[in-house]
Amino acid sequence: MKKKALVINPWIMDFKLYDEWMHPCGLYFLYDFLLRNGFDTVFYNCLKRSQSTKPKQNGTGEFPNAEIAKPGIYKGVKRKFKRYGVSQDEFTGFLLSTNKPDVIFLGSSMTYWAMGLAETIKIVTSIFPDIPCIVGGTAAHLIPNWIRSIPGVTHVFTGNLFNANDLKQSGIPLLSELTALPCAASMNPAFESMESLNHAPVMTSLGCPMSCSYCASKILCKTYTRRPVETVAAELALCVSEFDVSNAAFYDDALLFDAENNFIPFVNKIRDMRLPVQFHTPNGLHVAFMNRFLIDLMLDIGFKTIRLGYESGKLSDTRHTSGKTSFEQLAQKIVLMKSGGFLSSGIGVYLMAGLPGQTPQMVMEELAEVASLGVLVKPVFLSPVPHTALFESYSLLYPQILADPLTHNDSYFVTLLPQWDATAMQDVLDRAKSHNQKIQAPADPSDSSLGIPKPA
């Protein structure tokens, strides 16, 4: 008889959350992994969007949410704290109606979202108290001891499903003897189990060749690997045919790296298939890799939302950003994009705030520089990520980030930095919002690409 597995994408608890093409891709791969190893598998997404809420033109939208008590550490954050996802009654009703599983798998993402994971596990174990609960994913990898301390967690998997040694050495029953995923593993089995999709994820590669001081990509996935073009194209085609999806977002950490052997073959495949899809890049693209040929390809297959990973053009910050680009290069590439046909409202530039020595005034100055290019400015406040170089240096100044993942929340952490407080952060957001409203296309006033959290 087949063993039964229950895979759950947990609730998120935070001050803000918006479905800007969010997908638990790791759990989609887990679903394929379990099926390949003979499990009868059920997937449940606590972050399901309400079907009563109409998606925006680009497929994004609001998550259901409920205000909850704010953790004491956040008492100085003047915002409402919420649980995002389905209601407790809906989740409990699903668990009570499903067949008793032999094992339960839960994903994890941001470290400061671990509260949502803990609350999800509390509900799960109240109904299935004797079933093993295995937690994997980003937070499990970065803060395994904290995740192990959550009541009800039986095992924490800190490896990679594509790596046979990681599975074997985990020592986790029902997991360590299973066969690892092949490179051609697909997200399609997970999609086929769903009732609906608002948009599709596209992941042409795993990992990242860069080594930015604030990013954990290389920690989570040690090698950069391309996925077969045929597999990725088939995933997108299924989303279009089965769910009438018309928007897709790339999940690659370095989409344009070695484009001749990855991005260009994928684009050519999609163009041949004539899929009616608009593409978005919420993960910032590397400015240095942009050129006229790639820009023309993007426009040809329907790219709508472009996000550029600028972070900071200051020479003092290049050691943290892998020297991605300069302001001069950014300006040149934006001219290329606009002359090629991209609208100002479709181009957004990520600007990081919270790097060492970076003051609010410095961020405001860079914001004004980027705004002068006539594109959207997207401030990104730093969240310290465990095991990264930047986290290690900040932990010497703020040792509390070693013990409590709630301190990693950008809404809290940046207020610890010299000259920064909630007012300074809001000033940056307000300045960006004021500029972006002038750039935003009138035809799509609700475009979520502004990325500015709304005050509660």
Protein backbone atom coordinates (compact mmCIF):
# COMPACT_ATOMS: atom_id res chain seq x y z
CA MET A 1 0.00 0.00 0.00
CA LYS A 2 1.27 3.48 -0.87
CA LYS A 3 2.31 5.74 1.97
CA LYS A 4 0.35 8.98 2.24
CA ALA A 5 2.12 12.34 2.42
CA LEU A 6 0.60 15.73 3.18
CA VAL A 7 2.54 18.76 1.88
CA ILE A 8 1.65 22.16 3.36
CA ASN A 9 2.62 25.72 2.45
CA PRO A 10 2.20 27.50 5.81
CA TRP A 11 0.67 30.79 6.85
CA ILE A 12 2.77 33.95 6.89
CA MET A 13 2.65 36.50 9.72
CA ASP A 14 3.98 39.97 8.95
CA PHE A 15 3.11 43.65 8.65
CA LYS A 16 2.71 43.43 4.89
CA LEU A 17 2.32 40.80 2.21
CA TYR A 18 1.12 40.99 -1.35
CA ASP A 19 0.91 38.28 -3.96
CA GLU A 20 3.41 39.70 -6.43
CA TRP A 21 3.65 36.39 -8.34
CA MET A 22 4.47 34.36 -5.21
CA HIS A 23 4.92 30.59 -5.52
CA PRO A 24 6.35 27.93 -3.13
CA CYS A 25 8.46 26.40 -5.91
CA GLY A 26 10.41 24.24 -3.48
CA LEU A 27 7.19 22.51 -2.42
CA TYR A 28 6.22 22.00 -6.06
CA PHE A 29 9.47 20.09 -6.54
CA LEU A 30 8.84 18.21 -3.28
CA TYR A 31 5.51 17.07 -4.70
CA ASP A 32 7.24 15.60 -7.76
CA PHE A 33 9.89 14.04 -5.50
CA LEU A 34 7.27 12.26 -3.40
CA LEU A 35 5.32 11.00 -6.41
CA ARG A 36 8.50 9.63 -8.00
CA ASN A 37 9.17 7.78 -4.75
CA GLY A 38 5.75 6.16 -4.65
CA PHE A 39 3.84 8.36 -2.21
CA ASP A 40 0.16 9.20 -2.49
CA THR A 41 0.52 12.97 -2.03
CA VAL A 42 -1.85 15.83 -1.17
CA PHE A 43 -0.79 19.49 -1.38
CA TYR A 44 -2.45 22.26 0.62
CA ASN A 45 -1.63 25.93 0.24
CA CYS A 46 -2.43 28.07 3.29
CA LEU A 47 -1.64 31.10 1.11
CA LYS A 48 -4.44 30.47 -1.35
CA ARG A 49 -5.93 33.65 -2.73
CA SER A 50 -9.64 34.18 -2.20
CA GLN A 51 -11.60 33.45 -5.37
CA SER A 52 -13.90 36.34 -4.47
CA THR A 53 -11.01 38.80 -4.94
CA LYS A 54 -10.51 39.75 -8.57
CA PRO A 55 -6.86 39.57 -9.68
CA LYS A 56 -5.14 42.68 -11.02
CA GLN A 57 -4.38 42.91 -14.73
CA ASN A 58 -1.01 41.20 -14.21
CA GLY A 59 -2.40 38.35 -12.10
CA THR A 60 -1.27 39.72 -8.73
CA GLY A 61 -3.58 40.47 -5.83
CA GLU A 62 -4.29 40.58 -2.11
CA PHE A 63 -4.06 37.63 0.24
CA PRO A 64 -6.85 36.97 2.74
CA ASN A 65 -5.66 38.21 6.13
CA ALA A 66 -6.65 38.68 9.74
CA GLU A 67 -5.15 41.05 12.29
CA ILE A 68 -3.44 39.25 15.18
CA ALA A 69 -1.60 40.25 18.34
CA LYS A 70 1.72 41.94 17.63
CA PRO A 71 4.82 40.27 19.15
CA GLY A 72 6.30 42.38 21.95
CA ILE A 73 9.51 42.99 20.03
CA TYR A 74 7.50 44.89 17.43
CA LYS A 75 5.72 47.24 19.82
CA GLY A 76 7.57 50.20 18.27
CA VAL A 77 6.46 49.34 14.73
CA LYS A 78 3.36 51.44 14.08
CA ARG A 79 1.64 48.97 11.79
CA LYS A 80 -0.92 46.21 12.17
CA PHE A 81 0.43 42.66 12.38
CA LYS A 82 -1.50 40.09 10.38
CA ARG A 83 -1.81 36.40 9.56
CA TYR A 84 -1.93 36.03 5.79
CA GLY A 85 -3.70 33.13 4.16
CA VAL A 86 -6.86 31.09 4.57
CA SER A 87 -8.89 31.31 7.76
CA GLN A 88 -8.30 28.98 10.68
CA ASP A 89 -11.71 27.42 10.11
CA GLU A 90 -10.96 26.72 6.45
CA PHE A 91 -7.58 25.18 7.23
CA THR A 92 -8.93 23.10 10.11
CA GLY A 93 -11.84 21.95 7.95
CA PHE A 94 -9.43 20.72 5.29
CA LEU A 95 -7.32 18.80 7.82
CA LEU A 96 -10.39 17.14 9.35
CA SER A 97 -11.66 16.06 5.94
CA THR A 98 -8.40 14.67 4.58
CA ASN A 99 -7.20 11.09 5.01
CA LYS A 100 -4.73 10.58 7.81
CA PRO A 101 -1.22 10.88 6.34
CA ASP A 102 1.86 8.83 7.20
CA VAL A 103 4.08 11.92 7.09
CA ILE A 104 3.58 15.68 6.90
CA PHE A 105 5.97 18.02 5.08
CA LEU A 106 5.93 21.78 5.62
CA GLY A 107 7.89 24.41 3.72
CA SER A 108 9.53 27.53 5.13
CA SER A 109 10.76 30.75 3.58
CA MET A 110 11.82 33.99 5.28
CA THR A 111 13.32 33.42 8.72
CA TYR A 112 11.13 36.14 10.24
CA TRP A 113 8.04 34.32 8.95
CA ALA A 114 8.71 31.37 11.25
CA MET A 115 5.83 32.44 13.50
CA GLY A 116 3.40 31.59 10.72
CA LEU A 117 5.05 28.20 10.34
CA ALA A 118 4.78 27.57 14.09
CA GLU A 119 1.08 28.44 14.12
CA THR A 120 0.47 26.18 11.13
CA ILE A 121 2.21 23.28 12.87
CA LYS A 122 0.20 23.91 16.04
CA ILE A 123 -3.05 23.38 14.13
CA VAL A 124 -1.68 20.39 12.20
CA THR A 125 -0.44 18.55 15.28
CA SER A 126 -3.67 19.19 17.18
CA ILE A 127 -5.41 17.06 14.55
CA PHE A 128 -2.58 14.63 13.69
CA PRO A 129 -0.60 14.49 16.98
CA ASP A 130 1.21 11.24 16.22
CA ILE A 131 2.28 11.94 12.62
CA PRO A 132 5.90 12.93 11.86
CA CYS A 133 6.27 16.58 10.79
CA ILE A 134 9.26 17.33 8.57
CA VAL A 135 10.16 20.96 7.86
CA GLY A 136 12.36 21.97 4.96
CA GLY A 137 12.98 25.07 2.88
CA THR A 138 14.81 28.36 3.35
CA ALA A 139 14.29 29.00 7.07
CA ALA A 140 14.89 25.33 7.88
CA HIS A 141 18.26 25.62 6.18
CA LEU A 142 19.23 28.96 7.72
CA ILE A 143 17.93 28.61 11.31
CA PRO A 144 17.52 24.84 11.82
CA ASN A 145 17.88 24.92 15.61
CA TRP A 146 15.14 27.52 15.97
CA ILE A 147 12.87 25.50 13.69
CA ARG A 148 13.59 22.35 15.74
CA SER A 149 12.43 24.21 18.85
CA ILE A 150 8.91 24.60 17.42
CA PRO A 151 6.58 22.20 19.29
CA GLY A 152 5.46 19.42 16.98
CA VAL A 153 8.45 19.50 14.62
CA THR A 154 9.86 15.99 14.33
CA HIS A 155 12.68 16.56 11.83
CA VAL A 156 14.32 19.44 9.98
CA PHE A 157 15.70 18.81 6.50
CA THR A 158 18.55 21.17 5.65
CA GLY A 159 19.57 19.61 2.36
CA ASN A 160 18.62 19.64 -1.30
CA LEU A 161 16.13 17.23 -2.87
CA PHE A 162 18.32 17.10 -5.98
CA ASN A 163 21.31 15.84 -3.96
CA ALA A 164 21.40 12.12 -3.09
CA ASN A 165 24.01 12.64 -0.35
CA ASP A 166 21.89 15.31 1.34
CA LEU A 167 18.98 12.88 1.51
CA LYS A 168 21.04 9.94 2.74
CA GLN A 169 22.93 11.93 5.35
CA SER A 170 19.77 13.56 6.73
CA GLY A 171 19.02 10.45 8.79
CA ILE A 172 15.31 11.29 8.57
CA PRO A 173 13.02 8.23 8.43
CA LEU A 174 10.85 8.06 5.30
CA LEU A 175 13.27 10.46 3.60
CA SER A 176 16.87 9.28 3.80
CA GLU A 177 16.34 6.18 1.66
CA LEU A 178 14.43 7.92 -1.13
CA THR A 179 15.76 8.63 -4.62
CA ALA A 180 16.89 12.20 -5.32
CA LEU A 181 15.25 14.36 -7.94
CA PRO A 182 16.78 14.34 -11.43
CA CYS A 183 17.68 17.58 -13.22
CA ALA A 184 14.52 17.19 -15.31
CA ALA A 185 12.23 17.24 -12.27
CA SER A 186 9.00 19.08 -12.96
CA MET A 187 6.56 21.29 -11.09
CA ASN A 188 3.73 20.00 -13.27
CA PRO A 189 2.54 17.22 -10.93
CA ALA A 190 1.92 19.85 -8.24
CA PHE A 191 0.07 22.10 -10.70
CA GLU A 192 -2.12 19.19 -11.75
CA SER A 193 -3.25 18.76 -8.14
CA MET A 194 -4.47 22.36 -7.81
CA GLU A 195 -7.88 23.88 -8.34
CA SER A 196 -6.68 27.21 -9.70
CA LEU A 197 -3.64 29.37 -10.48
CA ASN A 198 -3.55 33.15 -10.84
CA HIS A 199 -0.15 33.17 -12.52
CA ALA A 200 2.72 30.82 -13.32
CA PRO A 201 6.30 30.53 -12.04
CA VAL A 202 9.12 30.10 -14.56
CA MET A 203 12.45 28.78 -13.29
CA THR A 204 15.06 28.08 -15.94
CA SER A 205 17.92 27.57 -13.47
CA LEU A 206 18.70 26.72 -9.86
CA GLY A 207 21.19 28.66 -7.76
CA CYS A 208 23.25 31.74 -8.59
CA PRO A 209 26.82 32.32 -9.85
CA MET A 210 27.12 35.61 -7.91
CA SER A 211 28.18 36.08 -4.28
CA CYS A 212 26.45 39.17 -2.89
CA SER A 213 27.12 39.68 0.81
CA TYR A 214 23.44 39.94 1.75
CA CYS A 215 22.09 36.99 -0.27
CA ALA A 216 21.78 33.32 0.77
CA SER A 217 21.31 31.87 -2.70
CA LYS A 218 24.70 30.11 -2.72
CA ILE A 219 24.12 28.84 0.80
CA LEU A 220 20.78 27.31 -0.11
CA CYS A 221 21.90 25.95 -3.47
CA LYS A 222 25.67 25.52 -3.74
CA THR A 223 25.82 25.00 -7.49
CA TYR A 224 24.33 26.90 -10.40
CA THR A 225 22.39 24.47 -12.62
CA ARG A 226 20.30 24.99 -15.74
CA ARG A 227 16.99 23.18 -16.04
CA PRO A 228 16.03 21.54 -19.36
CA VAL A 229 14.31 24.03 -21.66
CA GLU A 230 11.69 21.42 -22.60
CA THR A 231 10.73 20.86 -18.96
CA VAL A 232 10.36 24.56 -18.18
CA ALA A 233 8.36 25.21 -21.35
CA ALA A 234 6.05 22.27 -20.59
CA GLU A 235 5.36 23.69 -17.11
CA LEU A 236 4.33 27.03 -18.56
CA ALA A 237 2.25 25.39 -21.28
CA LEU A 238 0.33 23.38 -18.68
CA CYS A 239 -0.44 26.50 -16.65
CA VAL A 240 -1.78 28.19 -19.77
CA SER A 241 -3.85 25.25 -21.03
CA GLU A 242 -5.26 24.04 -17.70
CA PHE A 243 -5.70 27.31 -15.78
CA ASP A 244 -5.89 29.92 -18.52
CA VAL A 245 -2.90 31.69 -16.97
CA SER A 246 -1.82 34.78 -18.90
CA ASN A 247 0.96 36.05 -16.60
CA ALA A 248 4.21 34.35 -15.61
CA ALA A 249 7.10 35.43 -13.39
CA PHE A 250 10.72 34.30 -13.62
CA TYR A 251 12.17 32.86 -10.41
CA ASP A 252 15.80 32.68 -11.54
CA ASP A 253 18.39 34.41 -9.36
CA ALA A 254 20.50 35.19 -12.44
CA LEU A 255 18.18 34.93 -15.43
CA LEU A 256 20.48 36.62 -17.96
CA PHE A 257 23.73 34.94 -16.89
CA ASP A 258 25.21 32.95 -19.78
CA ALA A 259 22.11 33.87 -21.78
CA GLU A 260 23.30 32.09 -24.91
CA ASN A 261 22.98 28.74 -23.17
CA ASN A 262 19.94 29.38 -21.02
CA PHE A 263 17.66 32.37 -21.51
CA ILE A 264 17.89 32.61 -25.31
CA PRO A 265 17.09 28.91 -25.95
CA PHE A 266 14.11 29.20 -23.59
CA VAL A 267 12.83 32.35 -25.31
CA ASN A 268 13.15 30.71 -28.71
CA LYS A 269 11.19 27.70 -27.46
CA ILE A 270 8.40 29.86 -26.04
CA ARG A 271 8.23 31.96 -29.19
CA ASP A 272 7.78 28.82 -31.28
CA MET A 273 4.95 27.68 -28.96
CA ARG A 274 3.14 31.04 -29.32
CA LEU A 275 1.90 31.02 -25.72
CA PRO A 276 -0.31 34.04 -24.92
CA VAL A 277 1.59 35.06 -21.80
CA GLN A 278 2.98 38.30 -20.34
CA PHE A 279 6.27 37.89 -18.46
CA HIS A 280 7.44 39.59 -15.26
CA THR A 281 10.80 39.60 -13.44
CA PRO A 282 10.24 40.28 -9.72
CA ASN A 283 13.79 39.02 -9.11
CA GLY A 284 16.07 41.84 -10.20
CA LEU A 285 17.89 41.33 -13.50
CA HIS A 286 21.62 41.98 -13.70
CA VAL A 287 22.05 45.32 -15.44
CA ALA A 288 25.45 44.43 -16.88
CA PHE A 289 23.99 41.52 -18.88
CA MET A 290 21.33 43.64 -20.62
CA ASN A 291 21.92 44.43 -24.29
CA ARG A 292 19.88 45.38 -27.35
CA PHE A 293 19.54 41.80 -28.56
CA LEU A 294 18.13 40.55 -25.24
CA ILE A 295 15.87 43.57 -24.91
CA ASP A 296 14.39 42.89 -28.34
CA LEU A 297 13.84 39.23 -27.42
CA MET A 298 12.04 40.20 -24.22
CA LEU A 299 9.74 42.58 -26.03
CA ASP A 300 9.11 40.01 -28.75
CA ILE A 301 7.70 37.37 -26.37
CA GLY A 302 5.72 39.74 -24.14
CA PHE A 303 7.84 40.95 -21.23
CA LYS A 304 5.85 43.56 -19.32
CA THR A 305 7.46 44.06 -15.90
CA ILE A 306 11.24 44.49 -15.68
CA ARG A 307 13.01 44.84 -12.35
CA LEU A 308 16.70 45.75 -12.34
CA GLY A 309 19.00 44.74 -9.48
CA TYR A 310 20.82 48.03 -8.94
CA GLU A 311 20.90 47.97 -5.11
CA SER A 312 23.46 50.79 -4.93
CA GLY A 313 25.89 52.43 -7.31
CA LYS A 314 28.11 53.83 -4.57
CA LEU A 315 31.67 52.56 -4.78
CA SER A 316 31.67 51.87 -1.02
CA ASP A 317 28.76 49.43 -1.46
CA THR A 318 30.08 47.40 -4.41
CA ARG A 319 31.71 44.82 -2.11
CA HIS A 320 28.21 43.92 -0.92
CA THR A 321 26.56 43.82 -4.36
CA SER A 322 29.24 41.91 -6.30
CA GLY A 323 29.93 45.16 -8.16
CA LYS A 324 26.80 44.57 -10.25
CA THR A 325 26.67 47.95 -11.95
CA SER A 326 27.30 51.67 -11.76
CA PHE A 327 24.84 54.52 -12.13
CA GLU A 328 26.32 55.36 -15.53
CA GLN A 329 25.78 51.81 -16.77
CA LEU A 330 22.26 51.73 -15.32
CA ALA A 331 21.41 54.94 -17.17
CA GLN A 332 22.79 53.56 -20.44
CA LYS A 333 20.79 50.34 -20.19
CA ILE A 334 17.57 52.17 -19.34
CA VAL A 335 18.01 54.33 -22.46
CA LEU A 336 18.40 51.09 -24.46
CA MET A 337 15.26 49.61 -22.91
CA LYS A 338 13.13 52.68 -23.52
CA SER A 339 14.35 53.14 -27.09
CA GLY A 340 13.61 49.47 -27.69
CA GLY A 341 10.00 49.84 -26.62
CA PHE A 342 9.72 49.30 -22.86
CA LEU A 343 7.45 51.77 -21.07
CA SER A 344 8.79 53.77 -18.12
CA SER A 345 6.01 52.28 -15.99
CA GLY A 346 7.26 48.77 -16.79
CA ILE A 347 10.83 49.37 -15.61
CA GLY A 348 11.59 49.34 -11.89
CA VAL A 349 14.96 49.69 -10.17
CA TYR A 350 15.63 48.04 -6.81
CA LEU A 351 17.45 50.41 -4.45
CA MET A 352 18.73 48.89 -1.23
CA ALA A 353 18.56 50.65 2.13
CA GLY A 354 20.35 49.36 5.21
CA LEU A 355 23.82 48.56 3.91
CA PRO A 356 26.69 49.30 6.34
CA GLY A 357 27.28 53.04 6.70
CA GLN A 358 24.32 53.89 4.48
CA THR A 359 22.34 56.82 5.90
CA PRO A 360 18.80 57.92 5.04
CA GLN A 361 20.26 60.97 3.30
CA MET A 362 22.47 58.77 1.11
CA VAL A 363 19.47 56.63 0.14
CA MET A 364 17.43 59.74 -0.66
CA GLU A 365 20.23 61.02 -2.91
CA GLU A 366 20.43 57.72 -4.79
CA LEU A 367 16.66 57.61 -5.01
CA ALA A 368 16.69 61.03 -6.69
CA GLU A 369 19.41 59.88 -9.11
CA VAL A 370 17.44 56.79 -10.15
CA ALA A 371 14.20 58.77 -10.35
CA SER A 372 15.89 61.18 -12.78
CA LEU A 373 16.05 58.29 -15.26
CA GLY A 374 12.25 58.30 -15.53
CA VAL A 375 11.58 54.80 -14.18
CA LEU A 376 9.98 53.35 -11.06
CA VAL A 377 12.13 53.33 -7.93
CA LYS A 378 11.72 50.29 -5.68
CA PRO A 379 13.28 50.78 -2.21
CA VAL A 380 14.24 47.49 -0.58
CA PHE A 381 15.03 47.59 3.13
CA LEU A 382 17.65 45.14 4.27
CA SER A 383 16.68 41.98 6.09
CA PRO A 384 19.79 40.28 7.53
CA VAL A 385 19.98 36.69 6.28
CA PRO A 386 21.75 34.15 8.53
CA HIS A 387 25.10 32.76 7.32
CA THR A 388 25.64 35.52 4.79
CA ALA A 389 28.74 37.71 5.10
CA LEU A 390 26.66 40.78 5.88
CA PHE A 391 24.72 38.96 8.60
CA GLU A 392 27.95 37.87 10.27
CA SER A 393 29.28 41.43 10.41
CA TYR A 394 25.97 42.87 11.61
CA SER A 395 25.68 40.18 14.29
CA LEU A 396 28.77 41.63 15.99
CA LEU A 397 26.92 44.94 16.40
CA TYR A 398 23.44 43.54 16.96
CA PRO A 399 23.82 40.11 18.63
CA GLN A 400 20.05 39.79 19.04
CA ILE A 401 19.77 38.76 15.39
CA LEU A 402 21.59 35.55 16.29
CA ALA A 403 18.87 34.43 18.71
CA ASP A 404 15.54 35.73 17.44
CA PRO A 405 14.49 35.47 13.78
CA LEU A 406 11.81 38.12 14.35
CA THR A 407 14.65 40.66 14.49
CA HIS A 408 15.41 39.90 10.82
CA ASN A 409 12.21 41.60 9.69
CA ASP A 410 13.20 44.67 7.66
CA SER A 411 10.45 46.75 9.31
CA TYR A 412 12.27 46.21 12.61
CA PHE A 413 15.95 45.63 11.80
CA VAL A 414 16.62 48.79 9.81
CA THR A 415 15.39 50.91 12.75
CA LEU A 416 18.37 49.59 14.74
CA LEU A 417 20.87 51.16 12.35
CA PRO A 418 22.45 54.58 12.99
CA GLN A 419 20.23 57.50 11.88
CA TRP A 420 17.43 55.13 10.86
CA ASP A 421 14.02 54.91 12.49
CA ALA A 422 10.43 54.28 11.39
CA THR A 423 10.07 57.90 10.27
CA ALA A 424 13.19 57.77 8.09
CA MET A 425 11.99 54.54 6.49
CA GLN A 426 8.57 56.00 5.77
CA ASP A 427 10.16 59.12 4.31
CA VAL A 428 12.02 56.96 1.80
CA LEU A 429 8.84 55.06 0.92
CA ASP A 430 6.82 58.26 0.58
CA ARG A 431 9.45 59.85 -1.67
CA ALA A 432 9.50 56.77 -3.90
CA LYS A 433 5.71 56.58 -3.97
CA SER A 434 5.39 60.24 -4.91
CA HIS A 435 7.79 59.75 -7.80
CA ASN A 436 6.30 56.46 -8.93
CA GLN A 437 2.79 57.88 -9.11
CA LYS A 438 4.02 60.33 -11.74
CA ILE A 439 5.55 57.50 -13.78
CA GLN A 440 2.75 54.99 -13.41
CA ALA A 441 0.76 54.42 -16.59
CA PRO A 442 -2.81 55.79 -16.26
CA ALA A 443 -4.14 52.67 -17.98
CA ASP A 444 -3.08 50.49 -15.07
CA PRO A 445 -3.31 52.59 -11.86
CA SER A 446 -3.51 49.49 -9.66
CA ASP A 447 -0.19 48.04 -10.87
CA SER A 448 1.35 46.33 -7.86
CA SER A 449 4.85 46.83 -9.25
CA LEU A 450 5.10 49.97 -7.15
CA GLY A 451 5.83 47.62 -4.30
CA ILE A 452 5.12 50.26 -1.66
CA PRO A 453 3.45 48.74 1.38
CA LYS A 454 0.24 50.49 2.32
CA PRO A 455 0.07 51.90 5.86
CA ALA A 456 -2.27 49.84 8.00
